[in-house]
Full PDB file with SEQRES, HELIX, SHEET, SSBOND, CRYST1, ORIGX, SCALE, CONECT and MASTER records, all heavy atoms in Angstrom:
SEQRES   1 A   30  SER PRO GLU ALA ASP ASP ALA THR LEU MET GLU ILE VAL          
SEQRES   2 A   30  LYS GLY PRO ASP PHE PRO THR GLY GLY VAL LEU VAL ASP          
SEQRES   3 A   30  ASN GLN ALA ILE                                              
HELIX    1 AA1 ASP A    6  ILE A   12  1                                   7    
CRYST1    1.000    1.000    1.000  90.00  90.00  90.00 P 1           1          
ORIGX1      1.000000  0.000000  0.000000        0.00000                         
ORIGX2      0.000000  1.000000  0.000000        0.00000                         
ORIGX3      0.000000  0.000000  1.000000        0.00000                         
SCALE1      1.000000  0.000000  0.000000        0.00000                         
SCALE2      0.000000  1.000000  0.000000        0.00000                         
SCALE3      0.000000  0.000000  1.000000        0.00000                         
ATOM      1  N   SER A   1      18.225   2.726   1.855  1.00  0.00           N  
ATOM      2  CA  SER A   1      18.201   1.568   2.761  1.00  0.00           C  
ATOM      3  C   SER A   1      17.736   0.325   1.998  1.00  0.00           C  
ATOM      4  O   SER A   1      16.569  -0.065   2.094  1.00  0.00           O  
ATOM      5  CB  SER A   1      17.252   1.824   3.934  1.00  0.00           C  
ATOM      6  OG  SER A   1      17.592   2.990   4.622  1.00  0.00           O  
ATOM      7  N   PRO A   2      18.628  -0.288   1.221  1.00  0.00           N  
ATOM      8  CA  PRO A   2      18.229  -1.445   0.408  1.00  0.00           C  
ATOM      9  C   PRO A   2      17.651  -2.604   1.222  1.00  0.00           C  
ATOM     10  O   PRO A   2      16.918  -3.429   0.692  1.00  0.00           O  
ATOM     11  CB  PRO A   2      19.522  -1.874  -0.283  1.00  0.00           C  
ATOM     12  CG  PRO A   2      20.448  -0.717  -0.167  1.00  0.00           C  
ATOM     13  CD  PRO A   2      20.022   0.055   1.043  1.00  0.00           C  
ATOM     14  N   GLU A   3      17.942  -2.649   2.504  1.00  0.00           N  
ATOM     15  CA  GLU A   3      17.449  -3.738   3.355  1.00  0.00           C  
ATOM     16  C   GLU A   3      16.075  -3.449   3.951  1.00  0.00           C  
ATOM     17  O   GLU A   3      15.559  -4.238   4.744  1.00  0.00           O  
ATOM     18  CB  GLU A   3      18.449  -4.017   4.481  1.00  0.00           C  
ATOM     19  CG  GLU A   3      18.525  -2.937   5.564  1.00  0.00           C  
ATOM     20  CD  GLU A   3      19.211  -1.637   5.152  1.00  0.00           C  
ATOM     21  OE1 GLU A   3      19.925  -1.610   4.141  1.00  0.00           O  
ATOM     22  OE2 GLU A   3      19.022  -0.636   5.861  1.00  0.00           O  
ATOM     23  N   ALA A   4      15.445  -2.352   3.553  1.00  0.00           N  
ATOM     24  CA  ALA A   4      14.123  -1.998   4.093  1.00  0.00           C  
ATOM     25  C   ALA A   4      13.150  -3.156   3.898  1.00  0.00           C  
ATOM     26  O   ALA A   4      13.107  -3.780   2.838  1.00  0.00           O  
ATOM     27  CB  ALA A   4      13.594  -0.738   3.413  1.00  0.00           C  
ATOM     28  N   ASP A   5      12.368  -3.461   4.925  1.00  0.00           N  
ATOM     29  CA  ASP A   5      11.454  -4.601   4.849  1.00  0.00           C  
ATOM     30  C   ASP A   5      10.095  -4.185   4.281  1.00  0.00           C  
ATOM     31  O   ASP A   5       9.805  -3.007   4.067  1.00  0.00           O  
ATOM     32  CB  ASP A   5      11.300  -5.266   6.212  1.00  0.00           C  
ATOM     33  CG  ASP A   5      10.683  -4.354   7.263  1.00  0.00           C  
ATOM     34  OD1 ASP A   5      10.290  -3.210   6.938  1.00  0.00           O  
ATOM     35  OD2 ASP A   5      10.576  -4.781   8.420  1.00  0.00           O  
ATOM     36  N   ASP A   6       9.266  -5.200   4.037  1.00  0.00           N  
ATOM     37  CA  ASP A   6       7.943  -4.969   3.443  1.00  0.00           C  
ATOM     38  C   ASP A   6       7.091  -4.027   4.283  1.00  0.00           C  
ATOM     39  O   ASP A   6       6.407  -3.157   3.745  1.00  0.00           O  
ATOM     40  CB  ASP A   6       7.204  -6.298   3.261  1.00  0.00           C  
ATOM     41  CG  ASP A   6       7.898  -7.220   2.278  1.00  0.00           C  
ATOM     42  OD1 ASP A   6       8.690  -6.735   1.447  1.00  0.00           O  
ATOM     43  OD2 ASP A   6       7.637  -8.433   2.339  1.00  0.00           O  
ATOM     44  N   ALA A   7       7.111  -4.212   5.590  1.00  0.00           N  
ATOM     45  CA  ALA A   7       6.285  -3.382   6.471  1.00  0.00           C  
ATOM     46  C   ALA A   7       6.665  -1.905   6.354  1.00  0.00           C  
ATOM     47  O   ALA A   7       5.783  -1.036   6.326  1.00  0.00           O  
ATOM     48  CB  ALA A   7       6.408  -3.860   7.916  1.00  0.00           C  
ATOM     49  N   THR A   8       7.947  -1.628   6.254  1.00  0.00           N  
ATOM     50  CA  THR A   8       8.400  -0.247   6.121  1.00  0.00           C  
ATOM     51  C   THR A   8       7.937   0.345   4.796  1.00  0.00           C  
ATOM     52  O   THR A   8       7.473   1.487   4.741  1.00  0.00           O  
ATOM     53  CB  THR A   8       9.935  -0.177   6.229  1.00  0.00           C  
ATOM     54  OG1 THR A   8      10.336  -0.760   7.469  1.00  0.00           O  
ATOM     55  CG2 THR A   8      10.442   1.248   6.155  1.00  0.00           C  
ATOM     56  N   LEU A   9       8.027  -0.442   3.733  1.00  0.00           N  
ATOM     57  CA  LEU A   9       7.570   0.034   2.431  1.00  0.00           C  
ATOM     58  C   LEU A   9       6.061   0.254   2.418  1.00  0.00           C  
ATOM     59  O   LEU A   9       5.569   1.206   1.806  1.00  0.00           O  
ATOM     60  CB  LEU A   9       7.965  -0.951   1.332  1.00  0.00           C  
ATOM     61  CG  LEU A   9       9.451  -0.985   1.008  1.00  0.00           C  
ATOM     62  CD1 LEU A   9       9.769  -2.158   0.099  1.00  0.00           C  
ATOM     63  CD2 LEU A   9       9.890   0.323   0.380  1.00  0.00           C  
ATOM     64  N   MET A  10       5.325  -0.606   3.122  1.00  0.00           N  
ATOM     65  CA  MET A  10       3.870  -0.469   3.171  1.00  0.00           C  
ATOM     66  C   MET A  10       3.434   0.756   3.963  1.00  0.00           C  
ATOM     67  O   MET A  10       2.305   1.221   3.803  1.00  0.00           O  
ATOM     68  CB  MET A  10       3.228  -1.730   3.756  1.00  0.00           C  
ATOM     69  CG  MET A  10       3.281  -2.943   2.849  1.00  0.00           C  
ATOM     70  SD  MET A  10       2.346  -2.755   1.319  1.00  0.00           S  
ATOM     71  CE  MET A  10       0.700  -2.486   1.939  1.00  0.00           C  
ATOM     72  N   GLU A  11       4.295   1.293   4.796  1.00  0.00           N  
ATOM     73  CA  GLU A  11       3.980   2.552   5.471  1.00  0.00           C  
ATOM     74  C   GLU A  11       3.974   3.697   4.471  1.00  0.00           C  
ATOM     75  O   GLU A  11       3.295   4.703   4.671  1.00  0.00           O  
ATOM     76  CB  GLU A  11       4.998   2.830   6.576  1.00  0.00           C  
ATOM     77  CG  GLU A  11       4.874   1.902   7.762  1.00  0.00           C  
ATOM     78  CD  GLU A  11       5.965   2.133   8.798  1.00  0.00           C  
ATOM     79  OE1 GLU A  11       6.640   3.189   8.753  1.00  0.00           O  
ATOM     80  OE2 GLU A  11       6.152   1.254   9.643  1.00  0.00           O  
ATOM     81  N   ILE A  12       4.726   3.539   3.380  1.00  0.00           N  
ATOM     82  CA  ILE A  12       4.821   4.580   2.355  1.00  0.00           C  
ATOM     83  C   ILE A  12       3.801   4.343   1.246  1.00  0.00           C  
ATOM     84  O   ILE A  12       3.043   5.235   0.880  1.00  0.00           O  
ATOM     85  CB  ILE A  12       6.253   4.628   1.775  1.00  0.00           C  
ATOM     86  CG1 ILE A  12       7.247   4.983   2.878  1.00  0.00           C  
ATOM     87  CG2 ILE A  12       6.333   5.612   0.622  1.00  0.00           C  
ATOM     88  CD1 ILE A  12       8.693   4.849   2.470  1.00  0.00           C  
ATOM     89  N   VAL A  13       3.796   3.134   0.684  1.00  0.00           N  
ATOM     90  CA  VAL A  13       2.862   2.776  -0.391  1.00  0.00           C  
ATOM     91  C   VAL A  13       1.716   2.014   0.251  1.00  0.00           C  
ATOM     92  O   VAL A  13       1.824   0.841   0.557  1.00  0.00           O  
ATOM     93  CB  VAL A  13       3.549   1.928  -1.484  1.00  0.00           C  
ATOM     94  CG1 VAL A  13       2.553   1.574  -2.583  1.00  0.00           C  
ATOM     95  CG2 VAL A  13       4.747   2.657  -2.063  1.00  0.00           C  
ATOM     96  N   LYS A  14       0.610   2.692   0.461  1.00  0.00           N  
ATOM     97  CA  LYS A  14      -0.529   2.116   1.186  1.00  0.00           C  
ATOM     98  C   LYS A  14      -1.288   1.075   0.373  1.00  0.00           C  
ATOM     99  O   LYS A  14      -1.941   0.208   0.917  1.00  0.00           O  
ATOM    100  CB  LYS A  14      -1.503   3.213   1.606  1.00  0.00           C  
ATOM    101  CG  LYS A  14      -0.865   4.352   2.365  1.00  0.00           C  
ATOM    102  CD  LYS A  14      -0.449   3.923   3.744  1.00  0.00           C  
ATOM    103  CE  LYS A  14       0.055   5.131   4.510  1.00  0.00           C  
ATOM    104  NZ  LYS A  14       0.843   4.785   5.643  1.00  0.00           N  
ATOM    105  N   GLY A  15      -1.231   1.190  -0.942  1.00  0.00           N  
ATOM    106  CA  GLY A  15      -1.961   0.292  -1.825  1.00  0.00           C  
ATOM    107  C   GLY A  15      -2.182   0.976  -3.153  1.00  0.00           C  
ATOM    108  O   GLY A  15      -1.657   2.067  -3.394  1.00  0.00           O  
ATOM    109  N   PRO A  16      -2.945   0.351  -4.039  1.00  0.00           N  
ATOM    110  CA  PRO A  16      -3.218   0.959  -5.340  1.00  0.00           C  
ATOM    111  C   PRO A  16      -3.934   2.295  -5.201  1.00  0.00           C  
ATOM    112  O   PRO A  16      -4.591   2.560  -4.201  1.00  0.00           O  
ATOM    113  CB  PRO A  16      -4.130  -0.062  -6.019  1.00  0.00           C  
ATOM    114  CG  PRO A  16      -3.923  -1.329  -5.291  1.00  0.00           C  
ATOM    115  CD  PRO A  16      -3.581  -0.955  -3.893  1.00  0.00           C  
ATOM    116  N   ASP A  17      -3.790   3.104  -6.226  1.00  0.00           N  
ATOM    117  CA  ASP A  17      -4.425   4.413  -6.282  1.00  0.00           C  
ATOM    118  C   ASP A  17      -5.156   4.482  -7.612  1.00  0.00           C  
ATOM    119  O   ASP A  17      -4.526   4.566  -8.660  1.00  0.00           O  
ATOM    120  CB  ASP A  17      -3.359   5.505  -6.188  1.00  0.00           C  
ATOM    121  CG  ASP A  17      -3.948   6.894  -6.100  1.00  0.00           C  
ATOM    122  OD1 ASP A  17      -5.109   7.028  -5.676  1.00  0.00           O  
ATOM    123  OD2 ASP A  17      -3.242   7.851  -6.457  1.00  0.00           O  
ATOM    124  N   PHE A  18      -6.470   4.408  -7.586  1.00  0.00           N  
ATOM    125  CA  PHE A  18      -7.250   4.312  -8.810  1.00  0.00           C  
ATOM    126  C   PHE A  18      -7.623   5.692  -9.327  1.00  0.00           C  
ATOM    127  O   PHE A  18      -8.368   6.426  -8.666  1.00  0.00           O  
ATOM    128  CB  PHE A  18      -8.498   3.462  -8.567  1.00  0.00           C  
ATOM    129  CG  PHE A  18      -8.151   2.073  -8.113  1.00  0.00           C  
ATOM    130  CD1 PHE A  18      -8.241   1.717  -6.777  1.00  0.00           C  
ATOM    131  CD2 PHE A  18      -7.701   1.134  -9.028  1.00  0.00           C  
ATOM    132  CE1 PHE A  18      -7.901   0.444  -6.354  1.00  0.00           C  
ATOM    133  CE2 PHE A  18      -7.353  -0.144  -8.616  1.00  0.00           C  
ATOM    134  CZ  PHE A  18      -7.458  -0.491  -7.279  1.00  0.00           C  
ATOM    135  N   PRO A  19      -7.133   6.067 -10.508  1.00  0.00           N  
ATOM    136  CA  PRO A  19      -7.385   7.413 -11.029  1.00  0.00           C  
ATOM    137  C   PRO A  19      -8.849   7.673 -11.349  1.00  0.00           C  
ATOM    138  O   PRO A  19      -9.265   8.827 -11.429  1.00  0.00           O  
ATOM    139  CB  PRO A  19      -6.523   7.471 -12.297  1.00  0.00           C  
ATOM    140  CG  PRO A  19      -6.308   6.057 -12.691  1.00  0.00           C  
ATOM    141  CD  PRO A  19      -6.323   5.257 -11.414  1.00  0.00           C  
ATOM    142  N   THR A  20      -9.643   6.632 -11.516  1.00  0.00           N  
ATOM    143  CA  THR A  20     -11.060   6.824 -11.807  1.00  0.00           C  
ATOM    144  C   THR A  20     -11.882   6.983 -10.538  1.00  0.00           C  
ATOM    145  O   THR A  20     -13.097   7.123 -10.596  1.00  0.00           O  
ATOM    146  CB  THR A  20     -11.610   5.644 -12.628  1.00  0.00           C  
ATOM    147  OG1 THR A  20     -11.355   4.433 -11.915  1.00  0.00           O  
ATOM    148  CG2 THR A  20     -10.962   5.588 -14.002  1.00  0.00           C  
ATOM    149  N   GLY A  21     -11.231   6.935  -9.377  1.00  0.00           N  
ATOM    150  CA  GLY A  21     -11.911   7.178  -8.121  1.00  0.00           C  
ATOM    151  C   GLY A  21     -12.381   5.936  -7.389  1.00  0.00           C  
ATOM    152  O   GLY A  21     -13.104   6.042  -6.401  1.00  0.00           O  
ATOM    153  N   GLY A  22     -11.975   4.763  -7.846  1.00  0.00           N  
ATOM    154  CA  GLY A  22     -12.341   3.538  -7.139  1.00  0.00           C  
ATOM    155  C   GLY A  22     -11.827   3.558  -5.707  1.00  0.00           C  
ATOM    156  O   GLY A  22     -10.768   4.098  -5.423  1.00  0.00           O  
ATOM    157  N   VAL A  23     -12.598   2.994  -4.798  1.00  0.00           N  
ATOM    158  CA  VAL A  23     -12.239   2.964  -3.383  1.00  0.00           C  
ATOM    159  C   VAL A  23     -11.838   1.533  -3.028  1.00  0.00           C  
ATOM    160  O   VAL A  23     -12.630   0.599  -3.205  1.00  0.00           O  
ATOM    161  CB  VAL A  23     -13.420   3.420  -2.502  1.00  0.00           C  
ATOM    162  CG1 VAL A  23     -13.054   3.353  -1.037  1.00  0.00           C  
ATOM    163  CG2 VAL A  23     -13.856   4.821  -2.896  1.00  0.00           C  
ATOM    164  N   LEU A  24     -10.636   1.352  -2.551  1.00  0.00           N  
ATOM    165  CA  LEU A  24     -10.145   0.043  -2.142  1.00  0.00           C  
ATOM    166  C   LEU A  24     -10.798  -0.330  -0.822  1.00  0.00           C  
ATOM    167  O   LEU A  24     -10.745   0.433   0.142  1.00  0.00           O  
ATOM    168  CB  LEU A  24      -8.627   0.108  -1.992  1.00  0.00           C  
ATOM    169  CG  LEU A  24      -7.859  -1.171  -1.832  1.00  0.00           C  
ATOM    170  CD1 LEU A  24      -8.056  -2.085  -3.024  1.00  0.00           C  
ATOM    171  CD2 LEU A  24      -6.381  -0.865  -1.665  1.00  0.00           C  
ATOM    172  N   VAL A  25     -11.449  -1.500  -0.751  1.00  0.00           N  
ATOM    173  CA  VAL A  25     -12.178  -1.871   0.462  1.00  0.00           C  
ATOM    174  C   VAL A  25     -11.538  -3.032   1.229  1.00  0.00           C  
ATOM    175  O   VAL A  25     -12.022  -3.387   2.292  1.00  0.00           O  
ATOM    176  CB  VAL A  25     -13.663  -2.204   0.159  1.00  0.00           C  
ATOM    177  CG1 VAL A  25     -14.377  -0.969  -0.354  1.00  0.00           C  
ATOM    178  CG2 VAL A  25     -13.794  -3.354  -0.806  1.00  0.00           C  
ATOM    179  N   ASP A  26     -10.465  -3.606   0.718  1.00  0.00           N  
ATOM    180  CA  ASP A  26      -9.790  -4.682   1.438  1.00  0.00           C  
ATOM    181  C   ASP A  26      -9.012  -4.119   2.621  1.00  0.00           C  
ATOM    182  O   ASP A  26      -8.568  -2.969   2.601  1.00  0.00           O  
ATOM    183  CB  ASP A  26      -8.828  -5.431   0.511  1.00  0.00           C  
ATOM    184  CG  ASP A  26      -9.563  -6.286  -0.495  1.00  0.00           C  
ATOM    185  OD1 ASP A  26     -10.493  -6.997  -0.082  1.00  0.00           O  
ATOM    186  OD2 ASP A  26      -9.207  -6.245  -1.681  1.00  0.00           O  
ATOM    187  N   ASN A  27      -8.827  -4.951   3.650  1.00  0.00           N  
ATOM    188  CA  ASN A  27      -8.063  -4.479   4.800  1.00  0.00           C  
ATOM    189  C   ASN A  27      -6.569  -4.532   4.504  1.00  0.00           C  
ATOM    190  O   ASN A  27      -6.133  -5.149   3.531  1.00  0.00           O  
ATOM    191  CB  ASN A  27      -8.426  -5.260   6.074  1.00  0.00           C  
ATOM    192  CG  ASN A  27      -8.030  -6.713   5.991  1.00  0.00           C  
ATOM    193  OD1 ASN A  27      -6.955  -7.059   5.512  1.00  0.00           O  
ATOM    194  ND2 ASN A  27      -8.900  -7.587   6.477  1.00  0.00           N  
ATOM    195  N   GLN A  28      -5.791  -3.887   5.341  1.00  0.00           N  
ATOM    196  CA  GLN A  28      -4.356  -3.744   5.111  1.00  0.00           C  
ATOM    197  C   GLN A  28      -3.637  -5.088   5.083  1.00  0.00           C  
ATOM    198  O   GLN A  28      -2.670  -5.260   4.350  1.00  0.00           O  
ATOM    199  CB  GLN A  28      -3.735  -2.828   6.180  1.00  0.00           C  
ATOM    200  CG  GLN A  28      -2.376  -2.308   5.807  1.00  0.00           C  
ATOM    201  CD  GLN A  28      -2.387  -1.463   4.547  1.00  0.00           C  
ATOM    202  OE1 GLN A  28      -3.293  -0.673   4.315  1.00  0.00           O  
ATOM    203  NE2 GLN A  28      -1.375  -1.613   3.711  1.00  0.00           N  
ATOM    204  N   ALA A  29      -4.096  -6.077   5.838  1.00  0.00           N  
ATOM    205  CA  ALA A  29      -3.455  -7.396   5.852  1.00  0.00           C  
ATOM    206  C   ALA A  29      -3.558  -8.060   4.479  1.00  0.00           C  
ATOM    207  O   ALA A  29      -2.594  -8.679   4.008  1.00  0.00           O  
ATOM    208  CB  ALA A  29      -4.083  -8.281   6.925  1.00  0.00           C  
ATOM    209  N   ILE A  30      -4.702  -7.947   3.825  1.00  0.00           N  
ATOM    210  CA  ILE A  30      -4.883  -8.539   2.490  1.00  0.00           C  
ATOM    211  C   ILE A  30      -4.003  -7.827   1.471  1.00  0.00           C  
ATOM    212  O   ILE A  30      -3.361  -8.458   0.624  1.00  0.00           O  
ATOM    213  CB  ILE A  30      -6.370  -8.499   2.080  1.00  0.00           C  
ATOM    214  CG1 ILE A  30      -7.159  -9.489   2.939  1.00  0.00           C  
ATOM    215  CG2 ILE A  30      -6.548  -8.792   0.601  1.00  0.00           C  
ATOM    216  CD1 ILE A  30      -8.657  -9.428   2.750  1.00  0.00           C  
TER     217      ILE A  30                                                      
MASTER        0    0    0    1    0    0    0    6  216    1    0    3          
END                                                                             
């Protein structure tokens, strides 16, 4: 689905994934 929008992609890729165990504390809007 090349026309997939940002919101749909963000349902799959939630944000960075830090291999050293860092915890992302920003909210989803940021």
